[in-house]
Amino acid sequence: MRVEARARQSAVLGWHGAALRVRVTAAPVDGDANRAVAALLGRTFGVPVSAVTLVSGASSRDKLFRVGRLSLGDLRARLGAPA
């Protein structure tokens, strides 16, 4: 996943190859942007925020999140992208 912090609006922009692109309004300070991404992913994919886990990339723009028990194919299907 590629994250842009301090954006005008929080939004899931869609798939760019194998990476999901997202924007959040939060600044990348003290984990604020990571929490904002988790909340956005929870809303987007219909899972509780507690089911969204940051796996790697806490201080990077490129991150890996686990969204509940959903597979990559499930995530793509929920966004209407081909699997």
Protein backbone atom coordinates (compact mmCIF):
# COMPACT_ATOMS: atom_id res chain seq x y z
CA MET A 1 0.00 0.00 0.00
CA ARG A 2 1.19 3.50 -0.79
CA VAL A 3 0.07 6.21 1.65
CA GLU A 4 -0.01 9.95 1.15
CA ALA A 5 -0.36 11.85 4.43
CA ARG A 6 -1.52 15.46 4.90
CA ALA A 7 -3.90 15.22 1.94
CA ARG A 8 -6.94 17.44 1.47
CA GLN A 9 -9.32 14.50 1.85
CA SER A 10 -9.02 10.96 3.09
CA ALA A 11 -9.78 8.54 0.28
CA VAL A 12 -8.95 5.16 -1.19
CA LEU A 13 -7.69 5.98 -4.67
CA GLY A 14 -7.65 2.43 -5.99
CA TRP A 15 -5.15 -0.13 -7.13
CA HIS A 16 -1.89 0.81 -8.78
CA GLY A 17 -0.51 -2.56 -9.83
CA ALA A 18 -0.41 -4.69 -6.70
CA ALA A 19 -0.47 -1.70 -4.34
CA LEU A 20 -3.52 0.06 -2.99
CA ARG A 21 -3.14 3.85 -2.97
CA VAL A 22 -4.72 5.84 -0.15
CA ARG A 23 -4.68 9.42 1.10
CA VAL A 24 -5.32 10.59 4.64
CA THR A 25 -5.59 14.07 6.10
CA ALA A 26 -3.61 13.15 9.21
CA ALA A 27 0.03 14.11 9.55
CA PRO A 28 2.67 11.39 9.81
CA VAL A 29 3.42 12.29 13.42
CA ASP A 30 3.17 9.94 16.42
CA GLY A 31 1.35 7.31 14.35
CA ASP A 32 -1.59 9.60 13.49
CA ALA A 33 -1.45 8.78 9.78
CA ASN A 34 -1.23 5.04 10.47
CA ARG A 35 -4.33 5.20 12.70
CA ALA A 36 -6.14 7.25 10.05
CA VAL A 37 -5.28 4.65 7.39
CA ALA A 38 -6.54 1.84 9.64
CA ALA A 39 -9.82 3.69 10.21
CA LEU A 40 -10.21 4.39 6.49
CA LEU A 41 -9.54 0.75 5.58
CA GLY A 42 -12.02 -0.42 8.20
CA ARG A 43 -14.77 1.81 6.79
CA THR A 44 -13.92 0.97 3.19
CA PHE A 45 -13.86 -2.80 3.64
CA GLY A 46 -16.61 -3.05 6.26
CA VAL A 47 -14.52 -4.42 9.11
CA PRO A 48 -13.97 -3.04 12.61
CA VAL A 49 -10.89 -0.85 13.01
CA SER A 50 -9.66 -3.38 15.58
CA ALA A 51 -9.43 -5.94 12.74
CA VAL A 52 -7.03 -3.75 10.73
CA THR A 53 -3.40 -4.34 11.69
CA LEU A 54 -0.25 -2.59 10.52
CA VAL A 55 2.20 -5.38 9.64
CA SER A 56 5.15 -3.35 8.34
CA GLY A 57 6.14 0.13 7.23
CA ALA A 58 5.19 2.15 10.31
CA SER A 59 7.45 5.04 9.30
CA SER A 60 7.38 4.53 5.53
CA ARG A 61 5.00 5.63 2.78
CA ASP A 62 4.89 2.00 1.66
CA LYS A 63 2.97 -0.03 4.23
CA LEU A 64 1.53 -3.47 4.67
CA PHE A 65 -1.80 -3.78 6.50
CA ARG A 66 -3.78 -6.91 7.30
CA VAL A 67 -7.53 -6.31 6.98
CA GLY A 68 -9.35 -8.88 9.09
CA ARG A 69 -9.30 -12.28 7.48
CA LEU A 70 -9.81 -10.90 3.97
CA SER A 71 -7.52 -12.12 1.21
CA LEU A 72 -6.09 -9.86 -1.48
CA GLY A 73 -8.75 -11.21 -3.84
CA ASP A 74 -11.50 -10.30 -1.36
CA LEU A 75 -10.14 -6.77 -1.01
CA ARG A 76 -9.94 -6.31 -4.77
CA ALA A 77 -13.49 -7.63 -5.19
CA ARG A 78 -14.84 -5.23 -2.57
CA LEU A 79 -13.31 -2.31 -4.48
CA GLY A 80 -14.57 -3.63 -7.80
CA ALA A 81 -11.11 -4.38 -9.18
CA PRO A 82 -10.30 -7.53 -11.13
CA ALA A 83 -8.66 -10.22 -8.99
